[in-house]
């Protein structure tokens, strides 16, 4: 998931480029997050958007 790929958030971040690792590091700082991966998904409006796949730590996962 890491590399030189740039995810562009044209609408959300005023056109600034954000690397997936920056988002992963931010999300991983949360106590409930065990692991995270950010990928780019195609988007008709802006070309590409980011999606986060988040694995929660066992103690934060609730079984219903």
PDB file of N, CA and C in Angstrom:
ATOM      1  N   UNK A   1       0.799  -1.190   0.000  1.00  0.00           N
ATOM      2  CA  UNK A   1       0.000   0.000   0.000  1.00  0.00           C
ATOM      3  C   UNK A   1       0.851   1.268   0.000  1.00  0.00           C
ATOM      4  N   UNK A   2       2.084   1.143   0.396  1.00  0.00           N
ATOM      5  CA  UNK A   2       2.927   2.328   0.437  1.00  0.00           C
ATOM      6  C   UNK A   2       3.737   2.419  -0.840  1.00  0.00           C
ATOM      7  N   UNK A   3       4.119   3.601  -1.164  1.00  0.00           N
ATOM      8  CA  UNK A   3       4.926   3.803  -2.351  1.00  0.00           C
ATOM      9  C   UNK A   3       4.910   5.258  -2.726  1.00  0.00           C
ATOM     10  N   UNK A   4       5.105   5.523  -3.982  1.00  0.00           N
ATOM     11  CA  UNK A   4       5.158   6.891  -4.455  1.00  0.00           C
ATOM     12  C   UNK A   4       3.827   7.370  -5.000  1.00  0.00           C
ATOM     13  N   UNK A   5       2.792   6.569  -4.867  1.00  0.00           N
ATOM     14  CA  UNK A   5       1.479   6.940  -5.388  1.00  0.00           C
ATOM     15  C   UNK A   5       0.915   8.109  -4.586  1.00  0.00           C
ATOM     16  N   UNK A   6       0.384   9.086  -5.271  1.00  0.00           N
ATOM     17  CA  UNK A   6      -0.201  10.250  -4.626  1.00  0.00           C
ATOM     18  C   UNK A   6      -1.718  10.144  -4.739  1.00  0.00           C
ATOM     19  N   UNK A   7      -2.387  10.368  -3.619  1.00  0.00           N
ATOM     20  CA  UNK A   7      -3.841  10.440  -3.626  1.00  0.00           C
ATOM     21  C   UNK A   7      -4.201  11.917  -3.581  1.00  0.00           C
ATOM     22  N   UNK A   8      -5.040  12.347  -4.483  1.00  0.00           N
ATOM     23  CA  UNK A   8      -5.411  13.763  -4.547  1.00  0.00           C
ATOM     24  C   UNK A   8      -6.787  13.979  -3.934  1.00  0.00           C
ATOM     25  N   UNK A   9      -6.859  14.925  -3.029  1.00  0.00           N
ATOM     26  CA  UNK A   9      -8.120  15.320  -2.403  1.00  0.00           C
ATOM     27  C   UNK A   9      -8.449  16.719  -2.890  1.00  0.00           C
ATOM     28  N   UNK A  10      -8.918  16.827  -4.085  1.00  0.00           N
ATOM     29  CA  UNK A  10      -9.124  18.147  -4.667  1.00  0.00           C
ATOM     30  C   UNK A  10     -10.194  18.929  -3.920  1.00  0.00           C
ATOM     31  N   UNK A  11     -11.321  18.299  -3.617  1.00  0.00           N
ATOM     32  CA  UNK A  11     -12.398  19.008  -2.945  1.00  0.00           C
ATOM     33  C   UNK A  11     -12.186  19.139  -1.457  1.00  0.00           C
ATOM     34  N   UNK A  12     -11.634  18.115  -0.816  1.00  0.00           N
ATOM     35  CA  UNK A  12     -11.541  18.104   0.635  1.00  0.00           C
ATOM     36  C   UNK A  12     -10.370  18.890   1.189  1.00  0.00           C
ATOM     37  N   UNK A  13      -9.270  18.933   0.460  1.00  0.00           N
ATOM     38  CA  UNK A  13      -8.073  19.580   0.993  1.00  0.00           C
ATOM     39  C   UNK A  13      -7.519  20.655   0.084  1.00  0.00           C
ATOM     40  N   UNK A  14      -8.396  21.361  -0.583  1.00  0.00           N
ATOM     41  CA  UNK A  14      -8.008  22.516  -1.391  1.00  0.00           C
ATOM     42  C   UNK A  14      -6.933  22.202  -2.431  1.00  0.00           C
ATOM     43  N   UNK A  15      -6.976  20.988  -2.991  1.00  0.00           N
ATOM     44  CA  UNK A  15      -6.044  20.638  -4.042  1.00  0.00           C
ATOM     45  C   UNK A  15      -4.673  20.194  -3.587  1.00  0.00           C
ATOM     46  N   UNK A  16      -4.456  20.038  -2.290  1.00  0.00           N
ATOM     47  CA  UNK A  16      -3.155  19.603  -1.802  1.00  0.00           C
ATOM     48  C   UNK A  16      -3.005  18.102  -1.995  1.00  0.00           C
ATOM     49  N   UNK A  17      -1.795  17.678  -2.280  1.00  0.00           N
ATOM     50  CA  UNK A  17      -1.505  16.249  -2.403  1.00  0.00           C
ATOM     51  C   UNK A  17      -1.233  15.659  -1.029  1.00  0.00           C
ATOM     52  N   UNK A  18      -1.827  14.522  -0.778  1.00  0.00           N
ATOM     53  CA  UNK A  18      -1.613  13.821   0.487  1.00  0.00           C
ATOM     54  C   UNK A  18      -1.202  12.393   0.160  1.00  0.00           C
ATOM     55  N   UNK A  19      -0.120  11.935   0.756  1.00  0.00           N
ATOM     56  CA  UNK A  19       0.341  10.577   0.530  1.00  0.00           C
ATOM     57  C   UNK A  19      -0.426   9.612   1.437  1.00  0.00           C
ATOM     58  N   UNK A  20      -0.715   8.408   0.954  1.00  0.00           N
ATOM     59  CA  UNK A  20      -1.444   7.435   1.773  1.00  0.00           C
ATOM     60  C   UNK A  20      -0.796   7.181   3.133  1.00  0.00           C
ATOM     61  N   UNK A  21       0.523   7.157   3.200  1.00  0.00           N
ATOM     62  CA  UNK A  21       1.203   6.905   4.475  1.00  0.00           C
ATOM     63  C   UNK A  21       0.885   8.001   5.501  1.00  0.00           C
ATOM     64  N   UNK A  22       0.640   9.222   5.060  1.00  0.00           N
ATOM     65  CA  UNK A  22       0.280  10.297   5.992  1.00  0.00           C
ATOM     66  C   UNK A  22      -1.077  10.016   6.639  1.00  0.00           C
ATOM     67  N   UNK A  23      -2.017   9.530   5.856  1.00  0.00           N
ATOM     68  CA  UNK A  23      -3.344   9.206   6.377  1.00  0.00           C
ATOM     69  C   UNK A  23      -3.252   7.982   7.286  1.00  0.00           C
ATOM     70  N   UNK A  24      -2.475   6.979   6.858  1.00  0.00           N
ATOM     71  CA  UNK A  24      -2.312   5.782   7.672  1.00  0.00           C
ATOM     72  C   UNK A  24      -1.707   6.116   9.034  1.00  0.00           C
ATOM     73  N   UNK A  25      -0.690   6.947   9.048  1.00  0.00           N
ATOM     74  CA  UNK A  25      -0.051   7.331  10.315  1.00  0.00           C
ATOM     75  C   UNK A  25      -1.028   8.056  11.224  1.00  0.00           C
ATOM     76  N   UNK A  26      -1.845   8.934  10.651  1.00  0.00           N
ATOM     77  CA  UNK A  26      -2.824   9.673  11.439  1.00  0.00           C
ATOM     78  C   UNK A  26      -3.856   8.720  12.050  1.00  0.00           C
ATOM     79  N   UNK A  27      -4.393   7.815  11.242  1.00  0.00           N
ATOM     80  CA  UNK A  27      -5.407   6.876  11.733  1.00  0.00           C
ATOM     81  C   UNK A  27      -4.813   5.879  12.726  1.00  0.00           C
ATOM     82  N   UNK A  28      -3.602   5.424  12.479  1.00  0.00           N
ATOM     83  CA  UNK A  28      -2.957   4.442  13.353  1.00  0.00           C
ATOM     84  C   UNK A  28      -2.696   5.011  14.752  1.00  0.00           C
ATOM     85  N   UNK A  29      -2.668   6.312  14.899  1.00  0.00           N
ATOM     86  CA  UNK A  29      -2.444   6.940  16.198  1.00  0.00           C
ATOM     87  C   UNK A  29      -3.636   6.754  17.145  1.00  0.00           C
ATOM     88  N   UNK A  30      -4.789   6.370  16.616  1.00  0.00           N
ATOM     89  CA  UNK A  30      -5.973   6.146  17.458  1.00  0.00           C
ATOM     90  C   UNK A  30      -5.819   4.837  18.226  1.00  0.00           C
ATOM     91  N   UNK A  31      -6.212   4.838  19.493  1.00  0.00           N
ATOM     92  CA  UNK A  31      -6.045   3.669  20.360  1.00  0.00           C
ATOM     93  C   UNK A  31      -6.737   2.414  19.849  1.00  0.00           C
ATOM     94  N   UNK A  32      -7.839   2.548  19.135  1.00  0.00           N
ATOM     95  CA  UNK A  32      -8.621   1.398  18.694  1.00  0.00           C
ATOM     96  C   UNK A  32      -8.077   0.756  17.414  1.00  0.00           C
ATOM     97  N   UNK A  33      -7.158   1.416  16.734  1.00  0.00           N
ATOM     98  CA  UNK A  33      -6.695   0.941  15.424  1.00  0.00           C
ATOM     99  C   UNK A  33      -5.489   0.016  15.587  1.00  0.00           C
ATOM    100  N   UNK A  34      -5.635  -1.214  15.062  1.00  0.00           N
ATOM    101  CA  UNK A  34      -4.538  -2.173  15.047  1.00  0.00           C
ATOM    102  C   UNK A  34      -3.690  -2.002  13.792  1.00  0.00           C
ATOM    103  N   UNK A  35      -4.355  -1.873  12.640  1.00  0.00           N
ATOM    104  CA  UNK A  35      -3.644  -1.686  11.381  1.00  0.00           C
ATOM    105  C   UNK A  35      -4.557  -0.947  10.408  1.00  0.00           C
ATOM    106  N   UNK A  36      -3.956  -0.304   9.435  1.00  0.00           N
ATOM    107  CA  UNK A  36      -4.726   0.458   8.458  1.00  0.00           C
ATOM    108  C   UNK A  36      -3.977   0.473   7.126  1.00  0.00           C
ATOM    109  N   UNK A  37      -4.750   0.487   6.057  1.00  0.00           N
ATOM    110  CA  UNK A  37      -4.184   0.628   4.714  1.00  0.00           C
ATOM    111  C   UNK A  37      -5.050   1.618   3.950  1.00  0.00           C
ATOM    112  N   UNK A  38      -4.435   2.543   3.268  1.00  0.00           N
ATOM    113  CA  UNK A  38      -5.158   3.530   2.473  1.00  0.00           C
ATOM    114  C   UNK A  38      -4.888   3.243   1.003  1.00  0.00           C
ATOM    115  N   UNK A  39      -5.963   3.158   0.237  1.00  0.00           N
ATOM    116  CA  UNK A  39      -5.857   2.876  -1.192  1.00  0.00           C
ATOM    117  C   UNK A  39      -6.615   3.937  -1.970  1.00  0.00           C
ATOM    118  N   UNK A  40      -6.285   4.075  -3.218  1.00  0.00           N
ATOM    119  CA  UNK A  40      -7.005   4.990  -4.103  1.00  0.00           C
ATOM    120  C   UNK A  40      -8.104   4.248  -4.846  1.00  0.00           C
ATOM    121  N   UNK A  41      -9.279   4.863  -4.918  1.00  0.00           N
ATOM    122  CA  UNK A  41     -10.398   4.313  -5.668  1.00  0.00           C
ATOM    123  C   UNK A  41     -10.793   5.294  -6.766  1.00  0.00           C
ATOM    124  N   UNK A  42     -11.183   4.783  -7.918  1.00  0.00           N
ATOM    125  CA  UNK A  42     -11.593   5.675  -9.008  1.00  0.00           C
ATOM    126  C   UNK A  42     -12.822   6.490  -8.616  1.00  0.00           C
ATOM    127  N   UNK A  43     -12.859   7.728  -9.078  1.00  0.00           N
ATOM    128  CA  UNK A  43     -13.986   8.610  -8.814  1.00  0.00           C
ATOM    129  C   UNK A  43     -14.261   9.419 -10.074  1.00  0.00           C
ATOM    130  N   UNK A  44     -15.518   9.441 -10.493  1.00  0.00           N
ATOM    131  CA  UNK A  44     -15.879  10.145 -11.725  1.00  0.00           C
ATOM    132  C   UNK A  44     -15.665  11.651 -11.627  1.00  0.00           C
ATOM    133  N   UNK A  45     -15.863  12.212 -10.442  1.00  0.00           N
ATOM    134  CA  UNK A  45     -15.804  13.660 -10.294  1.00  0.00           C
ATOM    135  C   UNK A  45     -14.380  14.191 -10.168  1.00  0.00           C
ATOM    136  N   UNK A  46     -13.576  13.563  -9.300  1.00  0.00           N
ATOM    137  CA  UNK A  46     -12.232  14.095  -9.039  1.00  0.00           C
ATOM    138  C   UNK A  46     -11.115  13.194  -9.537  1.00  0.00           C
ATOM    139  N   UNK A  47     -11.451  12.051 -10.110  1.00  0.00           N
ATOM    140  CA  UNK A  47     -10.438  11.149 -10.653  1.00  0.00           C
ATOM    141  C   UNK A  47     -10.089  10.011  -9.723  1.00  0.00           C
ATOM    142  N   UNK A  48      -9.782  10.340  -8.454  1.00  0.00           N
ATOM    143  CA  UNK A  48      -9.427   9.323  -7.475  1.00  0.00           C
ATOM    144  C   UNK A  48      -9.698   9.853  -6.080  1.00  0.00           C
ATOM    145  N   UNK A  49     -10.229   8.971  -5.225  1.00  0.00           N
ATOM    146  CA  UNK A  49     -10.450   9.304  -3.824  1.00  0.00           C
ATOM    147  C   UNK A  49      -9.757   8.266  -2.966  1.00  0.00           C
ATOM    148  N   UNK A  50      -9.564   8.583  -1.712  1.00  0.00           N
ATOM    149  CA  UNK A  50      -8.910   7.654  -0.793  1.00  0.00           C
ATOM    150  C   UNK A  50      -9.958   6.843  -0.046  1.00  0.00           C
ATOM    151  N   UNK A  51      -9.609   5.594   0.223  1.00  0.00           N
ATOM    152  CA  UNK A  51     -10.433   4.722   1.055  1.00  0.00           C
ATOM    153  C   UNK A  51      -9.506   4.076   2.073  1.00  0.00           C
ATOM    154  N   UNK A  52      -9.947   4.012   3.313  1.00  0.00           N
ATOM    155  CA  UNK A  52      -9.141   3.413   4.375  1.00  0.00           C
ATOM    156  C   UNK A  52      -9.744   2.073   4.774  1.00  0.00           C
ATOM    157  N   UNK A  53      -8.897   1.071   4.835  1.00  0.00           N
ATOM    158  CA  UNK A  53      -9.276  -0.243   5.341  1.00  0.00           C
ATOM    159  C   UNK A  53      -8.667  -0.323   6.734  1.00  0.00           C
ATOM    160  N   UNK A  54      -9.522  -0.403   7.743  1.00  0.00           N
ATOM    161  CA  UNK A  54      -9.068  -0.291   9.126  1.00  0.00           C
ATOM    162  C   UNK A  54      -9.356  -1.577   9.883  1.00  0.00           C
ATOM    163  N   UNK A  55      -8.323  -2.107  10.551  1.00  0.00           N
ATOM    164  CA  UNK A  55      -8.489  -3.265  11.423  1.00  0.00           C
ATOM    165  C   UNK A  55      -8.451  -2.767  12.864  1.00  0.00           C
ATOM    166  N   UNK A  56      -9.500  -3.083  13.612  1.00  0.00           N
ATOM    167  CA  UNK A  56      -9.568  -2.664  15.005  1.00  0.00           C
ATOM    168  C   UNK A  56      -8.897  -3.683  15.917  1.00  0.00           C
ATOM    169  N   UNK A  57      -8.389  -3.200  17.043  1.00  0.00           N
ATOM    170  CA  UNK A  57      -7.851  -4.095  18.065  1.00  0.00           C
ATOM    171  C   UNK A  57      -8.999  -4.901  18.647  1.00  0.00           C
ATOM    172  N   UNK A  58      -8.704  -6.112  19.089  1.00  0.00           N
ATOM    173  CA  UNK A  58      -9.742  -7.011  19.596  1.00  0.00           C
ATOM    174  C   UNK A  58     -10.577  -6.388  20.711  1.00  0.00           C
ATOM    175  N   UNK A  59      -9.966  -5.674  21.599  1.00  0.00           N
ATOM    176  CA  UNK A  59     -10.705  -5.108  22.742  1.00  0.00           C
ATOM    177  C   UNK A  59     -11.674  -3.992  22.329  1.00  0.00           C
ATOM    178  N   UNK A  60     -11.530  -3.479  21.128  1.00  0.00           N
ATOM    179  CA  UNK A  60     -12.428  -2.437  20.649  1.00  0.00           C
ATOM    180  C   UNK A  60     -13.482  -2.967  19.672  1.00  0.00           C
ATOM    181  N   UNK A  61     -13.369  -4.249  19.344  1.00  0.00           N
ATOM    182  CA  UNK A  61     -14.326  -4.839  18.396  1.00  0.00           C
ATOM    183  C   UNK A  61     -15.468  -5.450  19.189  1.00  0.00           C
ATOM    184  N   UNK A  62     -16.684  -5.112  18.789  1.00  0.00           N
ATOM    185  CA  UNK A  62     -17.868  -5.588  19.494  1.00  0.00           C
ATOM    186  C   UNK A  62     -18.597  -6.631  18.668  1.00  0.00           C
ATOM    187  N   UNK A  63     -18.889  -7.767  19.266  1.00  0.00           N
ATOM    188  CA  UNK A  63     -19.679  -8.799  18.595  1.00  0.00           C
ATOM    189  C   UNK A  63     -21.129  -8.635  18.998  1.00  0.00           C
ATOM    190  N   UNK A  64     -22.024  -8.627  18.022  1.00  0.00           N
ATOM    191  CA  UNK A  64     -23.448  -8.473  18.330  1.00  0.00           C
ATOM    192  C   UNK A  64     -24.158  -9.783  18.209  1.00  0.00           C
TER     193      UNK A  64
END
